[in-house]
Amino acid sequence: MDRSGTGAGGSDHGQKGRPPGGAPEPNLSGLAGMGVQFVAAILVFLFVGKWLDSKLGTSPLLLILGVFLGAAASMYAMYRRVFPPEPPKSQGKEKGEGKAP
């Protein structure tokens, strides 16, 4: 009986749950967190807009503005999480760098 996982009928233990091409598995909890963050931001801005509308008498202008503002803020946060900013690259050698102590 071949237990190496490469024979006929064997399971491929090393590649289980991994997308083709050797790419790492997506972090599903992080994706779920982004979804919750998206909904929460929209709801917060919605209720702030509704509250401001009731105080200022501008119904439903600020409610609609709040929904769009919440969606835009959430999209920006998701974009920053998926594509984090690159650290600045140093321009040449700085003073004192590369010298032996």
PDB file of N, CA and C in Angstrom:
ATOM      1  N   MET A   1       0.844  -1.181   0.000  1.00  0.00           N
ATOM      2  CA  MET A   1       0.000   0.000   0.000  1.00  0.00           C
ATOM      3  C   MET A   1       0.886   1.240   0.000  1.00  0.00           C
ATOM      4  N   ASP A   2       0.626   2.131  -0.929  1.00  0.00           N
ATOM      5  CA  ASP A   2       1.425   3.340  -1.067  1.00  0.00           C
ATOM      6  C   ASP A   2       0.791   4.461  -0.255  1.00  0.00           C
ATOM      7  N   ARG A   3       1.470   4.933   0.782  1.00  0.00           N
ATOM      8  CA  ARG A   3       0.943   6.008   1.639  1.00  0.00           C
ATOM      9  C   ARG A   3       1.636   7.344   1.388  1.00  0.00           C
ATOM     10  N   SER A   4       2.359   7.452   0.316  1.00  0.00           N
ATOM     11  CA  SER A   4       3.090   8.690   0.053  1.00  0.00           C
ATOM     12  C   SER A   4       2.189   9.805  -0.456  1.00  0.00           C
ATOM     13  N   GLY A   5       0.991   9.462  -0.919  1.00  0.00           N
ATOM     14  CA  GLY A   5       0.084  10.493  -1.409  1.00  0.00           C
ATOM     15  C   GLY A   5       0.254  10.790  -2.875  1.00  0.00           C
ATOM     16  N   THR A   6       1.188  10.107  -3.536  1.00  0.00           N
ATOM     17  CA  THR A   6       1.392  10.359  -4.955  1.00  0.00           C
ATOM     18  C   THR A   6       0.893   9.224  -5.808  1.00  0.00           C
ATOM     19  N   GLY A   7       0.545   8.113  -5.207  1.00  0.00           N
ATOM     20  CA  GLY A   7       0.083   6.955  -5.957  1.00  0.00           C
ATOM     21  C   GLY A   7      -1.372   7.089  -6.345  1.00  0.00           C
ATOM     22  N   ALA A   8      -1.858   6.086  -7.083  1.00  0.00           N
ATOM     23  CA  ALA A   8      -3.254   6.102  -7.516  1.00  0.00           C
ATOM     24  C   ALA A   8      -4.169   5.961  -6.304  1.00  0.00           C
ATOM     25  N   GLY A   9      -5.170   6.790  -6.227  1.00  0.00           N
ATOM     26  CA  GLY A   9      -6.120   6.726  -5.130  1.00  0.00           C
ATOM     27  C   GLY A   9      -5.650   7.443  -3.883  1.00  0.00           C
ATOM     28  N   GLY A  10      -4.418   7.888  -3.859  1.00  0.00           N
ATOM     29  CA  GLY A  10      -3.904   8.610  -2.696  1.00  0.00           C
ATOM     30  C   GLY A  10      -4.349  10.050  -2.719  1.00  0.00           C
ATOM     31  N   SER A  11      -4.341  10.666  -1.575  1.00  0.00           N
ATOM     32  CA  SER A  11      -4.708  12.078  -1.529  1.00  0.00           C
ATOM     33  C   SER A  11      -3.448  12.916  -1.544  1.00  0.00           C
ATOM     34  N   ASP A  12      -3.570  14.097  -2.054  1.00  0.00           N
ATOM     35  CA  ASP A  12      -2.434  15.013  -2.139  1.00  0.00           C
ATOM     36  C   ASP A  12      -2.464  15.916  -0.922  1.00  0.00           C
ATOM     37  N   HIS A  13      -1.809  15.512   0.159  1.00  0.00           N
ATOM     38  CA  HIS A  13      -1.869  16.247   1.423  1.00  0.00           C
ATOM     39  C   HIS A  13      -1.231  17.625   1.327  1.00  0.00           C
ATOM     40  N   GLY A  14      -0.200  17.778   0.534  1.00  0.00           N
ATOM     41  CA  GLY A  14       0.502  19.055   0.460  1.00  0.00           C
ATOM     42  C   GLY A  14      -0.265  20.132  -0.285  1.00  0.00           C
ATOM     43  N   GLN A  15      -1.182  19.743  -1.178  1.00  0.00           N
ATOM     44  CA  GLN A  15      -1.885  20.724  -2.001  1.00  0.00           C
ATOM     45  C   GLN A  15      -3.349  20.875  -1.613  1.00  0.00           C
ATOM     46  N   LYS A  16      -3.779  20.261  -0.529  1.00  0.00           N
ATOM     47  CA  LYS A  16      -5.186  20.312  -0.148  1.00  0.00           C
ATOM     48  C   LYS A  16      -5.609  21.749   0.180  1.00  0.00           C
ATOM     49  N   GLY A  17      -6.652  22.215  -0.479  1.00  0.00           N
ATOM     50  CA  GLY A  17      -7.181  23.543  -0.210  1.00  0.00           C
ATOM     51  C   GLY A  17      -6.370  24.669  -0.812  1.00  0.00           C
ATOM     52  N   ARG A  18      -5.373  24.335  -1.589  1.00  0.00           N
ATOM     53  CA  ARG A  18      -4.514  25.361  -2.172  1.00  0.00           C
ATOM     54  C   ARG A  18      -4.912  25.607  -3.620  1.00  0.00           C
ATOM     55  N   PRO A  19      -5.041  26.856  -4.034  1.00  0.00           N
ATOM     56  CA  PRO A  19      -5.388  27.140  -5.424  1.00  0.00           C
ATOM     57  C   PRO A  19      -4.288  26.666  -6.361  1.00  0.00           C
ATOM     58  N   PRO A  20      -4.627  26.420  -7.636  1.00  0.00           N
ATOM     59  CA  PRO A  20      -3.602  25.985  -8.588  1.00  0.00           C
ATOM     60  C   PRO A  20      -2.532  27.054  -8.766  1.00  0.00           C
ATOM     61  N   GLY A  21      -1.357  26.617  -9.107  1.00  0.00           N
ATOM     62  CA  GLY A  21      -0.249  27.546  -9.327  1.00  0.00           C
ATOM     63  C   GLY A  21       0.575  27.794  -8.089  1.00  0.00           C
ATOM     64  N   GLY A  22       0.271  27.137  -6.986  1.00  0.00           N
ATOM     65  CA  GLY A  22       1.069  27.281  -5.775  1.00  0.00           C
ATOM     66  C   GLY A  22       0.817  28.572  -5.026  1.00  0.00           C
ATOM     67  N   ALA A  23      -0.245  29.301  -5.366  1.00  0.00           N
ATOM     68  CA  ALA A  23      -0.536  30.544  -4.661  1.00  0.00           C
ATOM     69  C   ALA A  23      -1.003  30.229  -3.244  1.00  0.00           C
ATOM     70  N   PRO A  24      -0.715  31.087  -2.283  1.00  0.00           N
ATOM     71  CA  PRO A  24      -1.154  30.830  -0.909  1.00  0.00           C
ATOM     72  C   PRO A  24      -2.673  30.927  -0.791  1.00  0.00           C
ATOM     73  N   GLU A  25      -3.218  30.255   0.219  1.00  0.00           N
ATOM     74  CA  GLU A  25      -4.663  30.295   0.450  1.00  0.00           C
ATOM     75  C   GLU A  25      -5.084  31.708   0.858  1.00  0.00           C
ATOM     76  N   PRO A  26      -6.266  32.145   0.413  1.00  0.00           N
ATOM     77  CA  PRO A  26      -6.750  33.458   0.863  1.00  0.00           C
ATOM     78  C   PRO A  26      -7.135  33.399   2.330  1.00  0.00           C
ATOM     79  N   ASN A  27      -6.942  34.491   3.026  1.00  0.00           N
ATOM     80  CA  ASN A  27      -7.292  34.580   4.439  1.00  0.00           C
ATOM     81  C   ASN A  27      -8.780  34.882   4.531  1.00  0.00           C
ATOM     82  N   LEU A  28      -9.579  33.829   4.749  1.00  0.00           N
ATOM     83  CA  LEU A  28     -11.033  33.994   4.723  1.00  0.00           C
ATOM     84  C   LEU A  28     -11.542  34.829   5.878  1.00  0.00           C
ATOM     85  N   SER A  29     -10.894  34.749   7.032  1.00  0.00           N
ATOM     86  CA  SER A  29     -11.347  35.573   8.155  1.00  0.00           C
ATOM     87  C   SER A  29     -11.088  37.053   7.867  1.00  0.00           C
ATOM     88  N   GLY A  30     -10.006  37.345   7.182  1.00  0.00           N
ATOM     89  CA  GLY A  30      -9.737  38.739   6.807  1.00  0.00           C
ATOM     90  C   GLY A  30     -10.746  39.257   5.799  1.00  0.00           C
ATOM     91  N   LEU A  31     -11.159  38.386   4.870  1.00  0.00           N
ATOM     92  CA  LEU A  31     -12.169  38.792   3.896  1.00  0.00           C
ATOM     93  C   LEU A  31     -13.519  39.007   4.572  1.00  0.00           C
ATOM     94  N   ALA A  32     -13.873  38.148   5.521  1.00  0.00           N
ATOM     95  CA  ALA A  32     -15.123  38.330   6.253  1.00  0.00           C
ATOM     96  C   ALA A  32     -15.072  39.617   7.074  1.00  0.00           C
ATOM     97  N   GLY A  33     -13.914  39.901   7.647  1.00  0.00           N
ATOM     98  CA  GLY A  33     -13.751  41.134   8.410  1.00  0.00           C
ATOM     99  C   GLY A  33     -13.923  42.367   7.546  1.00  0.00           C
ATOM    100  N   MET A  34     -13.438  42.299   6.304  1.00  0.00           N
ATOM    101  CA  MET A  34     -13.619  43.430   5.397  1.00  0.00           C
ATOM    102  C   MET A  34     -15.088  43.635   5.065  1.00  0.00           C
ATOM    103  N   GLY A  35     -15.833  42.545   4.926  1.00  0.00           N
ATOM    104  CA  GLY A  35     -17.261  42.662   4.654  1.00  0.00           C
ATOM    105  C   GLY A  35     -18.010  43.293   5.810  1.00  0.00           C
ATOM    106  N   VAL A  36     -17.679  42.874   7.019  1.00  0.00           N
ATOM    107  CA  VAL A  36     -18.315  43.442   8.206  1.00  0.00           C
ATOM    108  C   VAL A  36     -17.953  44.918   8.333  1.00  0.00           C
ATOM    109  N   GLN A  37     -16.690  45.248   8.065  1.00  0.00           N
ATOM    110  CA  GLN A  37     -16.249  46.641   8.133  1.00  0.00           C
ATOM    111  C   GLN A  37     -17.000  47.486   7.101  1.00  0.00           C
ATOM    112  N   PHE A  38     -17.216  46.940   5.918  1.00  0.00           N
ATOM    113  CA  PHE A  38     -17.916  47.656   4.856  1.00  0.00           C
ATOM    114  C   PHE A  38     -19.344  47.996   5.294  1.00  0.00           C
ATOM    115  N   VAL A  39     -20.051  47.000   5.812  1.00  0.00           N
ATOM    116  CA  VAL A  39     -21.434  47.208   6.242  1.00  0.00           C
ATOM    117  C   VAL A  39     -21.487  48.147   7.444  1.00  0.00           C
ATOM    118  N   ALA A  40     -20.583  47.964   8.398  1.00  0.00           N
ATOM    119  CA  ALA A  40     -20.590  48.794   9.608  1.00  0.00           C
ATOM    120  C   ALA A  40     -20.352  50.268   9.271  1.00  0.00           C
ATOM    121  N   ALA A  41     -19.403  50.534   8.384  1.00  0.00           N
ATOM    122  CA  ALA A  41     -19.121  51.927   8.028  1.00  0.00           C
ATOM    123  C   ALA A  41     -20.319  52.571   7.334  1.00  0.00           C
ATOM    124  N   ILE A  42     -20.968  51.839   6.458  1.00  0.00           N
ATOM    125  CA  ILE A  42     -22.145  52.385   5.780  1.00  0.00           C
ATOM    126  C   ILE A  42     -23.250  52.671   6.797  1.00  0.00           C
ATOM    127  N   LEU A  43     -23.472  51.741   7.726  1.00  0.00           N
ATOM    128  CA  LEU A  43     -24.528  51.945   8.720  1.00  0.00           C
ATOM    129  C   LEU A  43     -24.229  53.120   9.650  1.00  0.00           C
ATOM    130  N   VAL A  44     -22.973  53.255  10.052  1.00  0.00           N
ATOM    131  CA  VAL A  44     -22.612  54.376  10.933  1.00  0.00           C
ATOM    132  C   VAL A  44     -22.859  55.703  10.222  1.00  0.00           C
ATOM    133  N   PHE A  45     -22.367  55.820   8.988  1.00  0.00           N
ATOM    134  CA  PHE A  45     -22.554  57.063   8.249  1.00  0.00           C
ATOM    135  C   PHE A  45     -24.032  57.293   7.923  1.00  0.00           C
ATOM    136  N   LEU A  46     -24.800  56.221   7.698  1.00  0.00           N
ATOM    137  CA  LEU A  46     -26.228  56.350   7.446  1.00  0.00           C
ATOM    138  C   LEU A  46     -26.926  56.954   8.652  1.00  0.00           C
ATOM    139  N   PHE A  47     -26.639  56.415   9.846  1.00  0.00           N
ATOM    140  CA  PHE A  47     -27.312  56.927  11.042  1.00  0.00           C
ATOM    141  C   PHE A  47     -26.846  58.334  11.415  1.00  0.00           C
ATOM    142  N   VAL A  48     -25.590  58.647  11.170  1.00  0.00           N
ATOM    143  CA  VAL A  48     -25.121  60.018  11.413  1.00  0.00           C
ATOM    144  C   VAL A  48     -25.826  60.977  10.455  1.00  0.00           C
ATOM    145  N   GLY A  49     -25.943  60.584   9.188  1.00  0.00           N
ATOM    146  CA  GLY A  49     -26.648  61.423   8.221  1.00  0.00           C
ATOM    147  C   GLY A  49     -28.111  61.596   8.572  1.00  0.00           C
ATOM    148  N   LYS A  50     -28.750  60.516   9.038  1.00  0.00           N
ATOM    149  CA  LYS A  50     -30.163  60.600   9.437  1.00  0.00           C
ATOM    150  C   LYS A  50     -30.332  61.514  10.646  1.00  0.00           C
ATOM    151  N   TRP A  51     -29.421  61.411  11.596  1.00  0.00           N
ATOM    152  CA  TRP A  51     -29.479  62.256  12.794  1.00  0.00           C
ATOM    153  C   TRP A  51     -29.288  63.732  12.417  1.00  0.00           C
ATOM    154  N   LEU A  52     -28.295  63.997  11.550  1.00  0.00           N
ATOM    155  CA  LEU A  52     -28.064  65.376  11.119  1.00  0.00           C
ATOM    156  C   LEU A  52     -29.255  65.913  10.331  1.00  0.00           C
ATOM    157  N   ASP A  53     -29.884  65.057   9.508  1.00  0.00           N
ATOM    158  CA  ASP A  53     -31.071  65.479   8.769  1.00  0.00           C
ATOM    159  C   ASP A  53     -32.194  65.892   9.714  1.00  0.00           C
ATOM    160  N   SER A  54     -32.356  65.140  10.802  1.00  0.00           N
ATOM    161  CA  SER A  54     -33.434  65.474  11.746  1.00  0.00           C
ATOM    162  C   SER A  54     -33.137  66.784  12.482  1.00  0.00           C
ATOM    163  N   LYS A  55     -31.861  67.053  12.745  1.00  0.00           N
ATOM    164  CA  LYS A  55     -31.484  68.291  13.441  1.00  0.00           C
ATOM    165  C   LYS A  55     -31.537  69.500  12.515  1.00  0.00           C
ATOM    166  N   LEU A  56     -31.129  69.330  11.258  1.00  0.00           N
ATOM    167  CA  LEU A  56     -31.019  70.456  10.340  1.00  0.00           C
ATOM    168  C   LEU A  56     -32.206  70.596   9.392  1.00  0.00           C
ATOM    169  N   GLY A  57     -33.078  69.579   9.339  1.00  0.00           N
ATOM    170  CA  GLY A  57     -34.234  69.639   8.456  1.00  0.00           C
ATOM    171  C   GLY A  57     -33.879  69.516   6.988  1.00  0.00           C
ATOM    172  N   THR A  58     -32.855  68.777   6.665  1.00  0.00           N
ATOM    173  CA  THR A  58     -32.409  68.628   5.279  1.00  0.00           C
ATOM    174  C   THR A  58     -32.734  67.250   4.711  1.00  0.00           C
ATOM    175  N   SER A  59     -33.725  66.577   5.276  1.00  0.00           N
ATOM    176  CA  SER A  59     -34.058  65.198   4.901  1.00  0.00           C
ATOM    177  C   SER A  59     -34.305  65.069   3.409  1.00  0.00           C
ATOM    178  N   PRO A  60     -33.864  64.093   2.754  1.00  0.00           N
ATOM    179  CA  PRO A  60     -32.933  63.001   3.038  1.00  0.00           C
ATOM    180  C   PRO A  60     -31.525  63.259   2.511  1.00  0.00           C
ATOM    181  N   LEU A  61     -31.175  64.508   2.304  1.00  0.00           N
ATOM    182  CA  LEU A  61     -29.908  64.854   1.666  1.00  0.00           C
ATOM    183  C   LEU A  61     -28.701  64.287   2.416  1.00  0.00           C
ATOM    184  N   LEU A  62     -28.590  64.536   3.710  1.00  0.00           N
ATOM    185  CA  LEU A  62     -27.414  64.083   4.455  1.00  0.00           C
ATOM    186  C   LEU A  62     -27.418  62.575   4.682  1.00  0.00           C
ATOM    187  N   LEU A  63     -28.602  61.955   4.716  1.00  0.00           N
ATOM    188  CA  LEU A  63     -28.674  60.500   4.816  1.00  0.00           C
ATOM    189  C   LEU A  63     -28.055  59.860   3.579  1.00  0.00           C
ATOM    190  N   ILE A  64     -28.433  60.350   2.400  1.00  0.00           N
ATOM    191  CA  ILE A  64     -27.886  59.813   1.152  1.00  0.00           C
ATOM    192  C   ILE A  64     -26.394  60.099   1.061  1.00  0.00           C
ATOM    193  N   LEU A  65     -26.002  61.306   1.428  1.00  0.00           N
ATOM    194  CA  LEU A  65     -24.586  61.659   1.428  1.00  0.00           C
ATOM    195  C   LEU A  65     -23.800  60.764   2.388  1.00  0.00           C
ATOM    196  N   GLY A  66     -24.381  60.463   3.545  1.00  0.00           N
ATOM    197  CA  GLY A  66     -23.730  59.589   4.516  1.00  0.00           C
ATOM    198  C   GLY A  66     -23.528  58.187   3.993  1.00  0.00           C
ATOM    199  N   VAL A  67     -24.511  57.652   3.275  1.00  0.00           N
ATOM    200  CA  VAL A  67     -24.375  56.306   2.709  1.00  0.00           C
ATOM    201  C   VAL A  67     -23.233  56.273   1.696  1.00  0.00           C
ATOM    202  N   PHE A  68     -23.195  57.268   0.810  1.00  0.00           N
ATOM    203  CA  PHE A  68     -22.123  57.290  -0.188  1.00  0.00           C
ATOM    204  C   PHE A  68     -20.757  57.542   0.442  1.00  0.00           C
ATOM    205  N   LEU A  69     -20.709  58.388   1.448  1.00  0.00           N
ATOM    206  CA  LEU A  69     -19.452  58.657   2.136  1.00  0.00           C
ATOM    207  C   LEU A  69     -18.957  57.406   2.869  1.00  0.00           C
ATOM    208  N   GLY A  70     -19.873  56.678   3.518  1.00  0.00           N
ATOM    209  CA  GLY A  70     -19.510  55.429   4.195  1.00  0.00           C
ATOM    210  C   GLY A  70     -19.013  54.379   3.223  1.00  0.00           C
ATOM    211  N   ALA A  71     -19.673  54.273   2.062  1.00  0.00           N
ATOM    212  CA  ALA A  71     -19.243  53.310   1.050  1.00  0.00           C
ATOM    213  C   ALA A  71     -17.867  53.681   0.499  1.00  0.00           C
ATOM    214  N   ALA A  72     -17.643  54.965   0.263  1.00  0.00           N
ATOM    215  CA  ALA A  72     -16.346  55.404  -0.259  1.00  0.00           C
ATOM    216  C   ALA A  72     -15.235  55.166   0.761  1.00  0.00           C
ATOM    217  N   ALA A  73     -15.504  55.454   2.019  1.00  0.00           N
ATOM    218  CA  ALA A  73     -14.498  55.218   3.060  1.00  0.00           C
ATOM    219  C   ALA A  73     -14.188  53.733   3.194  1.00  0.00           C
ATOM    220  N   SER A  74     -15.207  52.895   3.095  1.00  0.00           N
ATOM    221  CA  SER A  74     -15.001  51.455   3.183  1.00  0.00           C
ATOM    222  C   SER A  74     -14.211  50.932   1.996  1.00  0.00           C
ATOM    223  N   MET A  75     -14.528  51.416   0.814  1.00  0.00           N
ATOM    224  CA  MET A  75     -13.791  50.982  -0.385  1.00  0.00           C
ATOM    225  C   MET A  75     -12.326  51.379  -0.282  1.00  0.00           C
ATOM    226  N   TYR A  76     -12.055  52.581   0.215  1.00  0.00           N
ATOM    227  CA  TYR A  76     -10.669  53.014   0.374  1.00  0.00           C
ATOM    228  C   TYR A  76      -9.946  52.141   1.396  1.00  0.00           C
ATOM    229  N   ALA A  77     -10.609  51.818   2.506  1.00  0.00           N
ATOM    230  CA  ALA A  77      -9.990  50.971   3.522  1.00  0.00           C
ATOM    231  C   ALA A  77      -9.702  49.571   2.975  1.00  0.00           C
ATOM    232  N   MET A  78     -10.636  49.031   2.190  1.00  0.00           N
ATOM    233  CA  MET A  78     -10.402  47.710   1.590  1.00  0.00           C
ATOM    234  C   MET A  78      -9.259  47.761   0.592  1.00  0.00           C
ATOM    235  N   TYR A  79      -9.201  48.816  -0.205  1.00  0.00           N
ATOM    236  CA  TYR A  79      -8.123  48.957  -1.178  1.00  0.00           C
ATOM    237  C   TYR A  79      -6.765  49.012  -0.469  1.00  0.00           C
ATOM    238  N   ARG A  80      -6.680  49.769   0.631  1.00  0.00           N
ATOM    239  CA  ARG A  80      -5.434  49.877   1.380  1.00  0.00           C
ATOM    240  C   ARG A  80      -5.053  48.552   2.022  1.00  0.00           C
ATOM    241  N   ARG A  81      -6.043  47.735   2.416  1.00  0.00           N
ATOM    242  CA  ARG A  81      -5.734  46.443   3.030  1.00  0.00           C
ATOM    243  C   ARG A  81      -5.250  45.443   1.981  1.00  0.00           C
ATOM    244  N   VAL A  82      -5.864  45.472   0.795  1.00  0.00           N
ATOM    245  CA  VAL A  82      -5.483  44.539  -0.259  1.00  0.00           C
ATOM    246  C   VAL A  82      -4.175  44.973  -0.917  1.00  0.00           C
ATOM    247  N   PHE A  83      -3.997  46.263  -1.127  1.00  0.00           N
ATOM    248  CA  PHE A  83      -2.784  46.818  -1.741  1.00  0.00           C
ATOM    249  C   PHE A  83      -2.131  47.791  -0.775  1.00  0.00           C
ATOM    250  N   PRO A  84      -1.371  47.282   0.206  1.00  0.00           N
ATOM    251  CA  PRO A  84      -0.746  48.191   1.180  1.00  0.00           C
ATOM    252  C   PRO A  84       0.298  49.081   0.507  1.00  0.00           C
ATOM    253  N   PRO A  85       0.494  50.295   1.030  1.00  0.00           N
ATOM    254  CA  PRO A  85       1.488  51.192   0.438  1.00  0.00           C
ATOM    255  C   PRO A  85       2.890  50.621   0.597  1.00  0.00           C
ATOM    256  N   GLU A  86       3.698  50.822  -0.422  1.00  0.00           N
ATOM    257  CA  GLU A  86       5.071  50.329  -0.371  1.00  0.00           C
ATOM    258  C   GLU A  86       5.905  51.256   0.497  1.00  0.00           C
ATOM    259  N   PRO A  87       6.850  50.686   1.259  1.00  0.00           N
ATOM    260  CA  PRO A  87       7.723  51.545   2.066  1.00  0.00           C
ATOM    261  C   PRO A  87       8.615  52.379   1.153  1.00  0.00           C
ATOM    262  N   PRO A  88       8.966  53.584   1.580  1.00  0.00           N
ATOM    263  CA  PRO A  88       9.820  54.429   0.738  1.00  0.00           C
ATOM    264  C   PRO A  88      11.181  53.787   0.542  1.00  0.00           C
ATOM    265  N   LYS A  89      11.676  53.899  -0.683  1.00  0.00           N
ATOM    266  CA  LYS A  89      12.996  53.351  -1.000  1.00  0.00           C
ATOM    267  C   LYS A  89      14.044  54.417  -0.714  1.00  0.00           C
ATOM    268  N   SER A  90      15.136  54.018  -0.080  1.00  0.00           N
ATOM    269  CA  SER A  90      16.183  54.985   0.246  1.00  0.00           C
ATOM    270  C   SER A  90      16.927  55.378  -1.028  1.00  0.00           C
ATOM    271  N   GLN A  91      17.237  56.632  -1.134  1.00  0.00           N
ATOM    272  CA  GLN A  91      17.949  57.165  -2.282  1.00  0.00           C
ATOM    273  C   GLN A  91      19.451  57.139  -2.009  1.00  0.00           C
ATOM    274  N   GLY A  92      20.127  56.130  -2.513  1.00  0.00           N
ATOM    275  CA  GLY A  92      21.576  56.038  -2.324  1.00  0.00           C
ATOM    276  C   GLY A  92      21.935  55.763  -0.875  1.00  0.00           C
ATOM    277  N   LYS A  93      23.182  56.004  -0.545  1.00  0.00           N
ATOM    278  CA  LYS A  93      23.638  55.803   0.829  1.00  0.00           C
ATOM    279  C   LYS A  93      23.485  57.102   1.605  1.00  0.00           C
ATOM    280  N   GLU A  94      23.002  56.950   2.826  1.00  0.00           N
ATOM    281  CA  GLU A  94      22.867  58.121   3.682  1.00  0.00           C
ATOM    282  C   GLU A  94      24.129  58.292   4.517  1.00  0.00           C
ATOM    283  N   LYS A  95      24.255  59.422   5.177  1.00  0.00           N
ATOM    284  CA  LYS A  95      25.428  59.702   5.979  1.00  0.00           C
ATOM    285  C   LYS A  95      25.621  58.634   7.034  1.00  0.00           C
ATOM    286  N   GLY A  96      26.824  58.171   7.167  1.00  0.00           N
ATOM    287  CA  GLY A  96      27.178  57.197   8.201  1.00  0.00           C
ATOM    288  C   GLY A  96      26.815  55.773   7.836  1.00  0.00           C
ATOM    289  N   GLU A  97      26.127  55.584   6.747  1.00  0.00           N
ATOM    290  CA  GLU A  97      25.731  54.246   6.366  1.00  0.00           C
ATOM    291  C   GLU A  97      26.858  53.597   5.571  1.00  0.00           C
ATOM    292  N   GLY A  98      27.127  52.362   5.854  1.00  0.00           N
ATOM    293  CA  GLY A  98      28.151  51.636   5.116  1.00  0.00           C
ATOM    294  C   GLY A  98      29.546  51.760   5.708  1.00  0.00           C
ATOM    295  N   LYS A  99      29.704  52.557   6.756  1.00  0.00           N
ATOM    296  CA  LYS A  99      31.006  52.688   7.398  1.00  0.00           C
ATOM    297  C   LYS A  99      31.125  51.672   8.509  1.00  0.00           C
ATOM    298  N   ALA A 100      32.335  51.157   8.669  1.00  0.00           N
ATOM    299  CA  ALA A 100      32.582  50.197   9.749  1.00  0.00           C
ATOM    300  C   ALA A 100      32.696  50.959  11.072  1.00  0.00           C
ATOM    301  N   PRO A 101      32.165  50.399  12.163  1.00  0.00           N
ATOM    302  CA  PRO A 101      32.234  51.101  13.462  1.00  0.00           C
ATOM    303  C   PRO A 101      33.613  51.159  14.032  1.00  0.00           C
TER     304      PRO A 101
END
